[in-house]
N, C-alpha and C. Protein backbone atom coordinates (compact mmCIF):
# COMPACT_ATOMS: atom_id res chain seq x y z
N MET A 1 2.16 -14.22 7.50
CA MET A 1 1.66 -13.32 6.48
C MET A 1 2.50 -12.04 6.52
N HIS A 2 3.53 -11.96 5.67
CA HIS A 2 4.41 -10.81 5.68
C HIS A 2 3.79 -9.60 4.97
N GLU A 3 2.65 -9.78 4.36
CA GLU A 3 1.99 -8.68 3.67
C GLU A 3 1.59 -7.56 4.64
N ILE A 4 1.24 -7.91 5.87
CA ILE A 4 0.87 -6.88 6.85
C ILE A 4 2.06 -6.00 7.18
N SER A 5 3.21 -6.62 7.38
CA SER A 5 4.43 -5.86 7.66
C SER A 5 4.81 -5.00 6.46
N LEU A 6 4.72 -5.57 5.27
CA LEU A 6 5.04 -4.80 4.06
C LEU A 6 4.09 -3.61 3.90
N MET A 7 2.81 -3.84 4.12
CA MET A 7 1.84 -2.77 3.96
C MET A 7 2.05 -1.68 5.02
N SER A 8 2.46 -2.06 6.20
CA SER A 8 2.76 -1.07 7.23
C SER A 8 3.87 -0.14 6.75
N ASP A 9 4.93 -0.70 6.19
CA ASP A 9 6.03 0.11 5.67
C ASP A 9 5.59 0.94 4.47
N ILE A 10 4.80 0.35 3.59
CA ILE A 10 4.33 1.07 2.41
C ILE A 10 3.49 2.27 2.82
N MET A 11 2.60 2.09 3.77
CA MET A 11 1.75 3.20 4.21
C MET A 11 2.57 4.29 4.90
N ARG A 12 3.57 3.91 5.67
CA ARG A 12 4.44 4.89 6.31
C ARG A 12 5.15 5.72 5.24
N ILE A 13 5.71 5.05 4.24
CA ILE A 13 6.40 5.74 3.16
C ILE A 13 5.44 6.64 2.38
N ALA A 14 4.25 6.15 2.10
CA ALA A 14 3.25 6.93 1.36
C ALA A 14 2.89 8.21 2.12
N GLU A 15 2.71 8.09 3.42
CA GLU A 15 2.36 9.26 4.23
C GLU A 15 3.53 10.25 4.30
N GLU A 16 4.76 9.74 4.39
CA GLU A 16 5.93 10.61 4.39
C GLU A 16 6.05 11.37 3.06
N GLU A 17 5.84 10.65 1.95
CA GLU A 17 5.93 11.28 0.64
C GLU A 17 4.80 12.28 0.43
N LEU A 18 3.62 11.98 0.92
CA LEU A 18 2.50 12.90 0.82
C LEU A 18 2.83 14.20 1.53
N ALA A 19 3.36 14.10 2.74
CA ALA A 19 3.74 15.29 3.51
C ALA A 19 4.90 16.04 2.84
N ARG A 20 5.86 15.31 2.33
CA ARG A 20 7.03 15.93 1.70
C ARG A 20 6.65 16.76 0.48
N HIS A 21 5.64 16.31 -0.24
CA HIS A 21 5.22 17.00 -1.45
C HIS A 21 4.04 17.95 -1.21
N GLY A 22 3.66 18.12 0.04
CA GLY A 22 2.58 19.05 0.37
C GLY A 22 1.20 18.57 0.00
N GLY A 23 1.05 17.25 -0.12
CA GLY A 23 -0.26 16.68 -0.46
C GLY A 23 -1.21 16.76 0.72
N HIS A 24 -2.48 16.66 0.42
CA HIS A 24 -3.49 16.76 1.48
C HIS A 24 -4.24 15.46 1.71
N ARG A 25 -4.31 14.62 0.68
CA ARG A 25 -5.10 13.40 0.82
C ARG A 25 -4.50 12.30 -0.04
N LEU A 26 -4.35 11.15 0.56
CA LEU A 26 -3.85 9.98 -0.15
C LEU A 26 -5.03 9.33 -0.87
N THR A 27 -4.92 9.22 -2.19
CA THR A 27 -6.02 8.66 -2.97
C THR A 27 -5.65 7.37 -3.68
N LEU A 28 -4.35 7.14 -3.91
CA LEU A 28 -3.92 5.98 -4.67
C LEU A 28 -2.55 5.52 -4.19
N VAL A 29 -2.41 4.23 -4.01
CA VAL A 29 -1.12 3.63 -3.68
C VAL A 29 -0.84 2.57 -4.74
N ARG A 30 0.27 2.75 -5.47
CA ARG A 30 0.68 1.78 -6.48
C ARG A 30 1.87 0.99 -5.95
N VAL A 31 1.76 -0.32 -6.03
CA VAL A 31 2.83 -1.20 -5.55
C VAL A 31 3.23 -2.15 -6.66
N ARG A 32 4.50 -2.12 -7.01
CA ARG A 32 5.06 -3.09 -7.97
C ARG A 32 5.95 -4.03 -7.17
N TYR A 33 5.79 -5.31 -7.40
CA TYR A 33 6.57 -6.30 -6.67
C TYR A 33 7.02 -7.40 -7.63
N GLY A 34 8.11 -8.04 -7.28
CA GLY A 34 8.65 -9.10 -8.12
C GLY A 34 7.99 -10.44 -7.83
N THR A 35 8.02 -11.28 -8.82
CA THR A 35 7.42 -12.61 -8.73
C THR A 35 7.98 -13.41 -7.55
N LEU A 36 9.28 -13.27 -7.31
CA LEU A 36 9.92 -14.06 -6.26
C LEU A 36 9.65 -13.54 -4.85
N ASN A 37 8.95 -12.42 -4.71
CA ASN A 37 8.63 -11.89 -3.38
C ASN A 37 7.55 -12.69 -2.68
N GLN A 38 6.88 -13.56 -3.40
CA GLN A 38 5.82 -14.40 -2.85
C GLN A 38 4.72 -13.58 -2.16
N ILE A 39 4.32 -12.52 -2.82
CA ILE A 39 3.24 -11.68 -2.33
C ILE A 39 1.92 -12.32 -2.73
N VAL A 40 0.99 -12.34 -1.79
CA VAL A 40 -0.37 -12.81 -2.07
C VAL A 40 -1.24 -11.56 -2.24
N PRO A 41 -1.66 -11.26 -3.47
CA PRO A 41 -2.40 -10.02 -3.72
C PRO A 41 -3.61 -9.82 -2.81
N ASP A 42 -4.38 -10.87 -2.58
CA ASP A 42 -5.56 -10.73 -1.70
C ASP A 42 -5.15 -10.36 -0.28
N ALA A 43 -4.04 -10.88 0.19
CA ALA A 43 -3.56 -10.55 1.53
C ALA A 43 -3.08 -9.09 1.57
N MET A 44 -2.46 -8.63 0.49
CA MET A 44 -2.04 -7.22 0.42
C MET A 44 -3.26 -6.31 0.44
N ARG A 45 -4.29 -6.68 -0.30
CA ARG A 45 -5.51 -5.86 -0.32
C ARG A 45 -6.18 -5.84 1.06
N MET A 46 -6.21 -6.98 1.71
CA MET A 46 -6.80 -7.04 3.05
C MET A 46 -6.00 -6.18 4.03
N ALA A 47 -4.68 -6.26 3.95
CA ALA A 47 -3.84 -5.44 4.83
C ALA A 47 -4.05 -3.96 4.55
N PHE A 48 -4.11 -3.59 3.28
CA PHE A 48 -4.35 -2.20 2.91
C PHE A 48 -5.69 -1.71 3.46
N ASP A 49 -6.73 -2.50 3.25
CA ASP A 49 -8.05 -2.13 3.74
C ASP A 49 -8.06 -1.93 5.25
N SER A 50 -7.34 -2.77 5.97
CA SER A 50 -7.31 -2.63 7.43
C SER A 50 -6.51 -1.40 7.85
N PHE A 51 -5.49 -1.03 7.09
CA PHE A 51 -4.70 0.15 7.43
C PHE A 51 -5.43 1.45 7.15
N VAL A 52 -6.26 1.50 6.13
CA VAL A 52 -6.94 2.75 5.80
C VAL A 52 -8.31 2.89 6.47
N ALA A 53 -8.86 1.82 6.98
CA ALA A 53 -10.19 1.88 7.61
C ALA A 53 -10.19 2.85 8.78
N GLY A 54 -11.10 3.81 8.74
CA GLY A 54 -11.26 4.76 9.83
C GLY A 54 -10.16 5.80 9.92
N THR A 55 -9.36 5.96 8.86
CA THR A 55 -8.27 6.94 8.86
C THR A 55 -8.49 7.93 7.72
N ALA A 56 -7.63 8.94 7.65
CA ALA A 56 -7.76 9.96 6.60
C ALA A 56 -7.72 9.37 5.19
N PRO A 57 -6.86 8.36 4.91
CA PRO A 57 -6.86 7.83 3.55
C PRO A 57 -7.96 6.81 3.24
N GLU A 58 -8.95 6.69 4.13
CA GLU A 58 -10.03 5.75 3.85
C GLU A 58 -10.67 6.10 2.51
N GLY A 59 -10.87 5.10 1.69
CA GLY A 59 -11.41 5.31 0.36
C GLY A 59 -10.33 5.35 -0.72
N ALA A 60 -9.07 5.36 -0.30
CA ALA A 60 -7.97 5.33 -1.26
C ALA A 60 -7.95 3.98 -1.97
N CYS A 61 -7.38 3.98 -3.17
CA CYS A 61 -7.29 2.75 -3.96
C CYS A 61 -5.89 2.16 -3.89
N LEU A 62 -5.82 0.86 -4.04
CA LEU A 62 -4.55 0.14 -4.09
C LEU A 62 -4.43 -0.52 -5.45
N GLU A 63 -3.33 -0.24 -6.15
CA GLU A 63 -3.03 -0.91 -7.42
C GLU A 63 -1.80 -1.79 -7.21
N LEU A 64 -1.94 -3.05 -7.54
CA LEU A 64 -0.84 -4.00 -7.42
C LEU A 64 -0.41 -4.46 -8.80
N ALA A 65 0.89 -4.53 -9.01
CA ALA A 65 1.41 -4.99 -10.29
C ALA A 65 2.58 -5.93 -10.04
N GLU A 66 2.44 -7.17 -10.50
CA GLU A 66 3.51 -8.13 -10.36
C GLU A 66 4.45 -8.01 -11.55
N GLU A 67 5.73 -7.81 -11.26
CA GLU A 67 6.75 -7.69 -12.30
C GLU A 67 7.32 -9.07 -12.59
N PRO A 68 7.53 -9.39 -13.86
CA PRO A 68 8.10 -10.69 -14.21
C PRO A 68 9.57 -10.76 -13.85
N LEU A 69 10.14 -11.95 -13.90
CA LEU A 69 11.56 -12.14 -13.62
C LEU A 69 12.40 -11.36 -14.60
């Protein structure tokens, strides 16, 4: 399940960008991915939920959008 690894990187980048722009709270993460990436949306949501549980961004939303070829 490579979604866990991807979500780990996505959350790291989101936190870096939040700090870089002087943000205080992560409320939304938008992820666009290509069809050929073989992403399983439910696995991405599960990984996201596990990463935010019990942390400052708990309650943040995840938006996933699959881009066509």
